[in-house]
């Protein structure tokens, strides 16, 4: 018995040890969990909120409030991971934590990286339940619009397009639902009953911009269904809805820079005084190419980001899927090739919408503050747009609309090279729009700016004119009188309308150049545009010849620098060539449009003034624009004033005459310039001048004076009539 009792005692001791070990392990695990909770309070708070059920007491619930504050603090400082976004969105929209907490959660729902698509789909399902108050429904849709570009994929969202569309009948939700539908719409979503529904709503609410914008997109996909006449240029119908989240989004994006690139319109930064409406552009960048569909989707598509060569583009051009963010096309040459080849109207519409919204948000509502970092960021962004426009050989309509607004607030200094380059890409427009949209703001800038800006603006408008004329010359070769204003627009302009627009632009530049020459003395670049204008008939096949204004012609004729005088000589030489050909075609009745007789008279008057002053040594012509009273000339006490502007005494050529005189008569101490006109010395002097590179004067003199009989006929020296 003793042995059995001893055995029993031996067995009972290990049992107590096992129970003690189990208890100690439980304590260690509990301690570990406690320490883990202290190390990661955010994880515990998120876990607690995921377990909140319907009927939970909200008022006076300190634990709920404490966990809510922990999550809110992390959300506003670092952003929320995708799995927590799903948990909190479900908590808010299910109203398990009450209506007040629903709005509160939505306001701090800031993603750190991406937003799961399924979370948004489930949110829409809660929207369909109809439990949420209207203000919470509006806030949810606004949040979806704000983070739209952060949603990982959107194919499931498009699959519930019909559920989302059903909310357009809600008056408070309609503007935001239309915006969301605009971003999701594809061709297969456009059906007759949806078009009819939108038209019924428009009949009830009036022509609202957001309805017009969505109908315009529907018309692009199915013009046979939308027969309503829509304006050719629809103003932006969707307002910016991200003001609730912009401060937090900006802070999170700065901290997580490089983790995700989002739509630049969401990249916001607010100064200490938001009333100044200025922010820094930390994320003003072209978004990367990304597919609109899930990588596991059954759709047989070739994604743009997978293209590596132009050959691949041609082989897969019919299977290419447009990216989720149309702005990403601007950063890829192959993507621009695709956009140019397929001429997809919906793609152009989406791209212009994104670009117009971005430009307005970043440059109009919150302009660049001028710091070096922000300016370089904006410079790179605008340079990318310029590259894309030059690649496509056409400007974007959204860029054009932006410039018309930006010119009224521009100081002429901020991003000047990029803005002027964009301005030169503005397509042809009817003349009655030009004064208000272009001329008035540019005139104010011009007269309050530096010499450098004046020259830059003249060069910009000169480039704009060249592009317009080149456009016309291509249209003329194709045999059409009507000129399309834009490849994505149905608007056209007749030849007479085109000539009116060109005439208005040339006259405006002539006004600027005249005042510039008066204010800034001699400015060579201000007469550069006449190089293009004088050759419009011969080089660009435009039956229009516009003579330079007196405010440009005479300052150039009497300029003190030889370059201006030489350029004027070339311009007058080309004018004669163009007018001669135009008159010949008129006589042969080969031309529909005729050059005005006033143009010939004005040319002859300028020609006579230039030949008389430089060749015949008589610059004051009775009855002309430059006639000066003899008594006034006498007061100047200038000897032989009539020859002060000939080829020898002209201020721009005087130094060359002195040099020539010293070369011919090195022994003479007294300079007698009149001796240059005697005998063979005159011909030698002319050859000396021409060898200095004055090709413009050379052509002018040979054509209009017959100085070289072998190169010019007597007929060439007769005035134009």
Foldseek 3Di string as FASTA:
>chain_A
DVVVVVVVVVVVVVVVVVVVVVVVVVVVVVVVVVVVCVVCVLVVLLVVLLPQAAPDDQPPPVSVVVSVVSNLVCLLAARDEQVSLLSLLCSLLVCSNHQVVNVVSLLSNGHLAAHEQVSVVVSLVSVVVVPHDPVSVQSSLLSCVLRVQRHPACPVVLVVLVSLLVCCVPPVCNLSSLVVCLLNDDLVVQDLVSLVVLVVVCVVVPPQLSSLLSLVLSCLSPVVRRVDDHDLDRPQRHDRSCPSHQCSNQNNCVVSPPSAQGQQLSNFHADPDNVVQATFRPRLDQHAFAANHDPPDPQQADEPVPDDDLVVCVVRLVRYGHGSQLSNLLVDLSSLVSCLVVVRLSSLSRNLNSVLSNLCSDPPRHRHPPDPVRLVSVLVNLVSQLVSCVSSVAHRPSLVVSLLVNLQVDLCPRSNVSSLSNVLRQFDDFQVPCCNRPLVSVVVNLVPDDLVSLLSNLVSLLSSLVSHLQQQLVVVVVPDQWGDRHPSGPDTDGLVRSVSRSVSSLVSLLVSLLVSCVVVPDDQSSCVSLVVQLCSCPPRVRQEHDDRDPSQLVSLLQPLAPVSNLVSLQSLLSNLVRVVVLVVCVVVVVDDDHYDVVVLVVSLLSLVQNCCQAPVLANADPPHPPHDDPVVVVVVVDPSNSNCRYCDNRSNNVVVLVVLQCVVCVPDPDDDSVCCPPDPSVVVSVVSVVVVPSVSNVSNCCQQPVPPVVVYPPVSNDRDD
